[in-house]
């Protein structure tokens, strides 16, 4: 039985991934912002009758809460075999996290960065630790501008562009972390899950959803890919890779830039150092 932590696991890709692992008899920790929704997901997964499921509160909007959750996990577990950084959000309006960061960058990137760095000792204790980041082909539109990470520093907000920036940061982090983990028992890889039939699309007007649904894939598809990255022999030696469903796994020039990745990593360490 492997121990697997999935962020944002109460719905969508996260829940489908949890179901896949629970069916295989693993111990799955649902790390979610809303305890009630997490418990509802737990009941659904418990009904499968296999594996073990528990929940923990994780609010990626708040760095101090992330650190607190990580400390709880460090005290409770000897190892984590797989960390799936699945949770993310998108907002058309400029919003700030509890720490004043632009919300998409704060939740999608900074929160995942802090959680991952805090939990590295548990992943290193596993026989084969696996870190899996949900990135996006949207990273192709992204750029890194540390000076605009804080919400009050953003001059011209664009929700789509901000999301792309956060996903570029996710991919750069995955790549840079992979370099640092060379020679260890832990790997760091990323994926683009494709156009997934989720709550985001279901909130569209019915005629729009009916049209776009033809091109969407079920959440079970990225869940299968995440499982493959976590446990297949094919991925045993792959580190710093990027996979994609539906589309070629294209990396932008910025995503391949090791110097940019290292710069982002070092700058991010400074931003979250008090919580490490």
Protein backbone atom coordinates (compact mmCIF):
# COMPACT_ATOMS: atom_id res chain seq x y z
CA UNK A 1 0.00 0.00 0.00
CA UNK A 2 1.43 3.34 -1.13
CA UNK A 3 0.66 6.66 0.54
CA UNK A 4 -0.55 9.29 -1.93
CA UNK A 5 -1.37 12.95 -1.25
CA UNK A 6 -3.61 14.71 -3.77
CA UNK A 7 -4.41 18.40 -3.51
CA UNK A 8 -7.87 19.57 -4.56
CA UNK A 9 -9.07 15.97 -4.48
CA UNK A 10 -12.75 16.55 -3.73
CA UNK A 11 -13.77 17.10 -7.35
CA UNK A 12 -12.69 16.87 -10.99
CA UNK A 13 -9.32 15.38 -11.90
CA UNK A 14 -8.28 15.18 -8.25
CA UNK A 15 -11.28 13.04 -7.28
CA UNK A 16 -10.95 10.81 -10.35
CA UNK A 17 -7.27 10.29 -9.55
CA UNK A 18 -8.07 9.48 -5.93
CA UNK A 19 -10.64 6.94 -7.07
CA UNK A 20 -8.07 5.25 -9.33
CA UNK A 21 -5.58 4.88 -6.49
CA UNK A 22 -8.17 3.80 -3.91
CA UNK A 23 -9.42 1.08 -6.25
CA UNK A 24 -5.85 -0.23 -6.35
CA UNK A 25 -5.82 -0.49 -2.55
CA UNK A 26 -3.61 2.50 -1.74
CA UNK A 27 -3.76 4.98 1.13
CA UNK A 28 -4.98 8.30 -0.26
CA UNK A 29 -4.93 11.63 1.57
CA UNK A 30 -7.38 14.19 0.23
CA UNK A 31 -5.88 17.64 0.84
CA UNK A 32 -8.71 20.11 0.30
CA UNK A 33 -9.67 23.65 1.21
CA UNK A 34 -13.27 22.82 2.15
CA UNK A 35 -13.52 20.12 4.88
CA UNK A 36 -17.20 19.42 4.18
CA UNK A 37 -16.56 18.76 0.48
CA UNK A 38 -13.52 16.68 1.38
CA UNK A 39 -15.62 14.53 3.70
CA UNK A 40 -18.26 14.06 1.01
CA UNK A 41 -15.53 12.85 -1.36
CA UNK A 42 -14.19 10.55 1.36
CA UNK A 43 -17.60 8.93 1.80
CA UNK A 44 -17.81 8.37 -1.95
CA UNK A 45 -14.35 6.78 -2.01
CA UNK A 46 -14.92 4.74 1.16
CA UNK A 47 -17.90 3.13 -0.59
CA UNK A 48 -15.46 1.50 -3.01
CA UNK A 49 -14.49 -0.82 -0.16
CA UNK A 50 -10.78 -0.87 -0.97
CA UNK A 51 -7.78 1.20 0.03
CA UNK A 52 -7.73 3.76 2.82
CA UNK A 53 -8.92 7.36 2.62
CA UNK A 54 -8.41 10.30 4.93
CA UNK A 55 -8.70 14.05 4.64
CA UNK A 56 -6.64 17.05 5.69
CA UNK A 57 -7.44 20.73 5.35
CA UNK A 58 -5.19 22.58 2.92
CA UNK A 59 -5.80 26.18 1.85
CA UNK A 60 -3.34 27.10 -0.89
CA UNK A 61 -4.52 30.70 -0.54
CA UNK A 62 -2.68 31.03 2.79
CA UNK A 63 1.04 30.27 3.18
CA UNK A 64 0.92 29.98 6.97
CA UNK A 65 -1.92 27.44 6.73
CA UNK A 66 0.03 25.46 4.11
CA UNK A 67 3.03 25.35 6.44
CA UNK A 68 0.80 24.23 9.32
CA UNK A 69 -0.72 21.44 7.24
CA UNK A 70 2.72 20.34 6.08
CA UNK A 71 3.99 20.22 9.66
CA UNK A 72 1.01 18.05 10.61
CA UNK A 73 1.84 15.64 7.78
CA UNK A 74 5.53 15.58 8.74
CA UNK A 75 4.55 14.62 12.26
CA UNK A 76 1.98 12.05 11.22
CA UNK A 77 3.65 10.12 8.39
CA UNK A 78 7.01 8.46 7.86
CA UNK A 79 6.79 8.73 4.09
CA UNK A 80 4.71 9.93 1.17
CA UNK A 81 5.15 7.92 -2.02
CA UNK A 82 3.32 10.24 -4.41
CA UNK A 83 2.46 13.95 -4.24
CA UNK A 84 -0.03 15.11 -6.89
CA UNK A 85 -0.13 18.91 -7.11
CA UNK A 86 -3.55 19.02 -8.71
CA UNK A 87 -5.35 21.93 -7.05
CA UNK A 88 -5.64 25.13 -9.02
CA UNK A 89 -7.97 27.95 -9.87
CA UNK A 90 -8.72 30.58 -12.49
CA UNK A 91 -10.33 33.96 -11.95
CA UNK A 92 -11.17 36.75 -14.43
CA UNK A 93 -10.90 39.39 -11.68
CA UNK A 94 -7.76 40.61 -9.94
CA UNK A 95 -7.79 39.07 -6.46
CA UNK A 96 -5.23 38.68 -3.69
CA UNK A 97 -4.26 35.74 -1.49
CA UNK A 98 -4.12 36.02 2.28
CA UNK A 99 -0.47 37.04 1.84
CA UNK A 100 -1.19 39.67 -0.82
CA UNK A 101 -0.06 37.70 -3.88
CA UNK A 102 -2.00 37.76 -7.14
CA UNK A 103 -4.37 34.88 -6.53
CA UNK A 104 -3.68 32.63 -9.51
CA UNK A 105 0.08 32.85 -9.05
CA UNK A 106 -0.35 32.48 -5.29
CA UNK A 107 -2.62 29.44 -5.33
CA UNK A 108 -1.48 27.66 -8.49
CA UNK A 109 2.26 28.16 -8.03
CA UNK A 110 3.45 29.60 -4.70
CA UNK A 111 1.19 27.37 -2.61
CA UNK A 112 2.20 24.24 -4.49
CA UNK A 113 5.87 25.27 -4.26
CA UNK A 114 5.76 25.68 -0.49
CA UNK A 115 3.85 22.44 0.10
CA UNK A 116 6.24 20.46 -2.10
CA UNK A 117 9.38 21.85 -0.49
CA UNK A 118 8.02 21.20 3.01
CA UNK A 119 7.10 17.60 2.16
CA UNK A 120 10.36 16.68 0.40
CA UNK A 121 11.70 14.79 3.47
CA UNK A 122 8.69 12.46 3.38
CA UNK A 123 9.06 11.89 -0.36
CA UNK A 124 12.75 11.14 0.09
CA UNK A 125 11.83 8.54 2.71
CA UNK A 126 9.80 6.63 0.12
CA UNK A 127 11.41 3.85 -1.90
CA UNK A 128 10.50 5.76 -5.06
CA UNK A 129 9.06 9.21 -4.37
CA UNK A 130 7.04 10.79 -7.17
CA UNK A 131 6.06 14.46 -7.50
CA UNK A 132 3.49 15.15 -10.22
CA UNK A 133 2.55 18.72 -11.17
CA UNK A 134 -0.54 19.59 -13.19
CA UNK A 135 0.70 22.19 -15.63
CA UNK A 136 -1.04 23.27 -18.84
CA UNK A 137 -0.41 23.97 -22.50
CA UNK A 138 -1.50 27.50 -21.52
CA UNK A 139 2.06 27.95 -20.25
CA UNK A 140 2.91 28.76 -23.88
CA UNK A 141 1.33 32.20 -23.31
CA UNK A 142 3.03 32.78 -19.97
CA UNK A 143 5.91 34.88 -18.74
CA UNK A 144 7.71 35.30 -15.43
CA UNK A 145 7.70 38.74 -13.82
CA UNK A 146 8.55 38.53 -10.13
CA UNK A 147 7.82 42.25 -9.74
CA UNK A 148 4.14 41.56 -10.39
CA UNK A 149 3.64 38.56 -8.09
CA UNK A 150 2.03 40.83 -5.48
CA UNK A 151 -1.56 41.80 -6.35
CA UNK A 152 -0.96 45.48 -5.66
CA UNK A 153 1.94 45.46 -8.13
CA UNK A 154 -0.13 44.19 -11.06
CA UNK A 155 -0.51 47.00 -13.57
CA UNK A 156 -2.70 45.48 -16.28
CA UNK A 157 -4.54 42.34 -15.16
CA UNK A 158 -5.64 39.71 -17.64
CA UNK A 159 -7.12 36.56 -16.11
CA UNK A 160 -6.12 34.24 -18.95
CA UNK A 161 -2.59 35.62 -19.11
CA UNK A 162 -2.23 35.39 -15.32
CA UNK A 163 -3.30 31.75 -15.42
CA UNK A 164 -0.75 31.10 -18.16
CA UNK A 165 1.95 32.76 -16.06
CA UNK A 166 1.15 30.50 -13.11
CA UNK A 167 1.28 27.40 -15.30
CA UNK A 168 4.63 28.41 -16.76
CA UNK A 169 5.85 28.80 -13.18
CA UNK A 170 4.53 25.28 -12.36
CA UNK A 171 6.44 23.78 -15.28
CA UNK A 172 9.65 25.67 -14.52
CA UNK A 173 9.43 24.52 -10.90
CA UNK A 174 8.94 20.91 -11.97
CA UNK A 175 11.97 21.10 -14.25
CA UNK A 176 14.25 22.86 -11.75
CA UNK A 177 13.22 20.55 -8.92
CA UNK A 178 13.95 17.56 -11.16
CA UNK A 179 17.50 18.82 -11.68
CA UNK A 180 17.99 19.18 -7.93
CA UNK A 181 16.63 15.67 -7.32
CA UNK A 182 19.04 13.99 -9.75
CA UNK A 183 20.67 11.04 -8.02
CA UNK A 184 17.94 10.76 -5.39
CA UNK A 185 15.00 8.34 -5.23
CA UNK A 186 12.53 11.14 -6.05
CA UNK A 187 11.42 12.41 -9.46
CA UNK A 188 9.50 15.51 -10.51
CA UNK A 189 7.36 15.47 -13.66
CA UNK A 190 4.49 17.51 -15.10
CA UNK A 191 1.52 17.03 -17.39
CA UNK A 192 -1.09 18.90 -19.37
CA UNK A 193 -4.38 17.10 -18.63
CA UNK A 194 -6.16 18.15 -21.83
CA UNK A 195 -9.60 19.71 -22.15
CA UNK A 196 -11.41 17.98 -19.30
CA UNK A 197 -15.18 17.85 -18.78
CA UNK A 198 -15.37 19.70 -15.47
CA UNK A 199 -17.46 22.17 -13.48
CA UNK A 200 -15.82 25.09 -15.30
CA UNK A 201 -17.39 24.10 -18.62
CA UNK A 202 -20.69 22.92 -17.14
CA UNK A 203 -21.36 26.46 -15.93
CA UNK A 204 -21.51 27.71 -19.54
CA UNK A 205 -24.87 28.31 -21.24
CA UNK A 206 -26.35 24.96 -22.26
CA UNK A 207 -25.88 25.48 -26.01
CA UNK A 208 -22.21 26.38 -25.53
CA UNK A 209 -21.57 23.41 -23.23
CA UNK A 210 -23.31 21.06 -25.71
CA UNK A 211 -20.95 22.23 -28.46
CA UNK A 212 -17.72 22.25 -26.47
CA UNK A 213 -18.49 18.92 -24.78
CA UNK A 214 -17.74 17.18 -28.08
CA UNK A 215 -14.07 18.05 -27.58
CA UNK A 216 -13.78 17.36 -23.85
CA UNK A 217 -12.43 14.21 -22.27
CA UNK A 218 -13.57 12.54 -19.02
CA UNK A 219 -11.55 13.11 -15.85
CA UNK A 220 -10.65 9.42 -15.91
CA UNK A 221 -8.22 10.05 -18.79
CA UNK A 222 -5.79 12.39 -16.94
CA UNK A 223 -6.25 10.19 -13.86
CA UNK A 224 -4.90 7.24 -15.85
CA UNK A 225 -1.91 9.30 -17.00
CA UNK A 226 -1.18 10.44 -13.44
CA UNK A 227 -1.27 6.79 -12.31
CA UNK A 228 1.13 5.85 -15.08
CA UNK A 229 3.59 8.60 -14.10
CA UNK A 230 3.32 7.52 -10.47
CA UNK A 231 3.87 3.80 -10.81
CA UNK A 232 4.65 2.51 -14.32
CA UNK A 233 8.05 1.10 -15.22
CA UNK A 234 8.00 3.42 -18.22
CA UNK A 235 8.28 6.43 -15.91
CA UNK A 236 10.67 4.92 -13.38
CA UNK A 237 13.70 6.75 -14.78
CA UNK A 238 11.95 9.79 -16.26
CA UNK A 239 12.63 13.02 -14.41
CA UNK A 240 11.86 16.57 -15.50
CA UNK A 241 9.54 15.38 -18.27
CA UNK A 242 6.29 16.91 -19.50
CA UNK A 243 3.45 14.80 -20.87
CA UNK A 244 0.26 15.92 -22.57
CA UNK A 245 -3.13 14.47 -23.39
CA UNK A 246 -4.86 15.38 -26.69
CA UNK A 247 -2.03 17.66 -27.88
CA UNK A 248 1.74 17.29 -28.43
CA UNK A 249 3.75 17.96 -25.26
CA UNK A 250 5.16 21.24 -26.49
CA UNK A 251 7.35 23.24 -24.12
CA UNK A 252 7.84 26.95 -24.73
CA UNK A 253 11.33 28.36 -25.01
CA UNK A 254 10.86 29.93 -21.57
CA UNK A 255 9.83 26.60 -20.05
CA UNK A 256 13.09 25.07 -21.34
CA UNK A 257 15.21 27.93 -19.99
CA UNK A 258 17.23 26.49 -17.09
CA UNK A 259 18.53 29.90 -16.04
CA UNK A 260 14.98 31.26 -15.83
CA UNK A 261 13.91 28.21 -13.85
CA UNK A 262 16.77 28.60 -11.39
CA UNK A 263 16.09 32.33 -11.05
CA UNK A 264 12.39 31.69 -10.35
CA UNK A 265 13.28 28.98 -7.82
CA UNK A 266 15.67 31.22 -5.90
CA UNK A 267 13.29 34.18 -5.93
CA UNK A 268 10.43 31.98 -4.73
CA UNK A 269 12.53 30.62 -1.87
CA UNK A 270 12.98 34.19 -0.70
CA UNK A 271 9.26 34.88 -0.92
CA UNK A 272 8.29 31.86 1.22
CA UNK A 273 11.44 31.40 3.33
CA UNK A 274 9.74 32.28 6.62
CA UNK A 275 7.37 29.33 6.18
CA UNK A 276 9.97 26.69 5.26
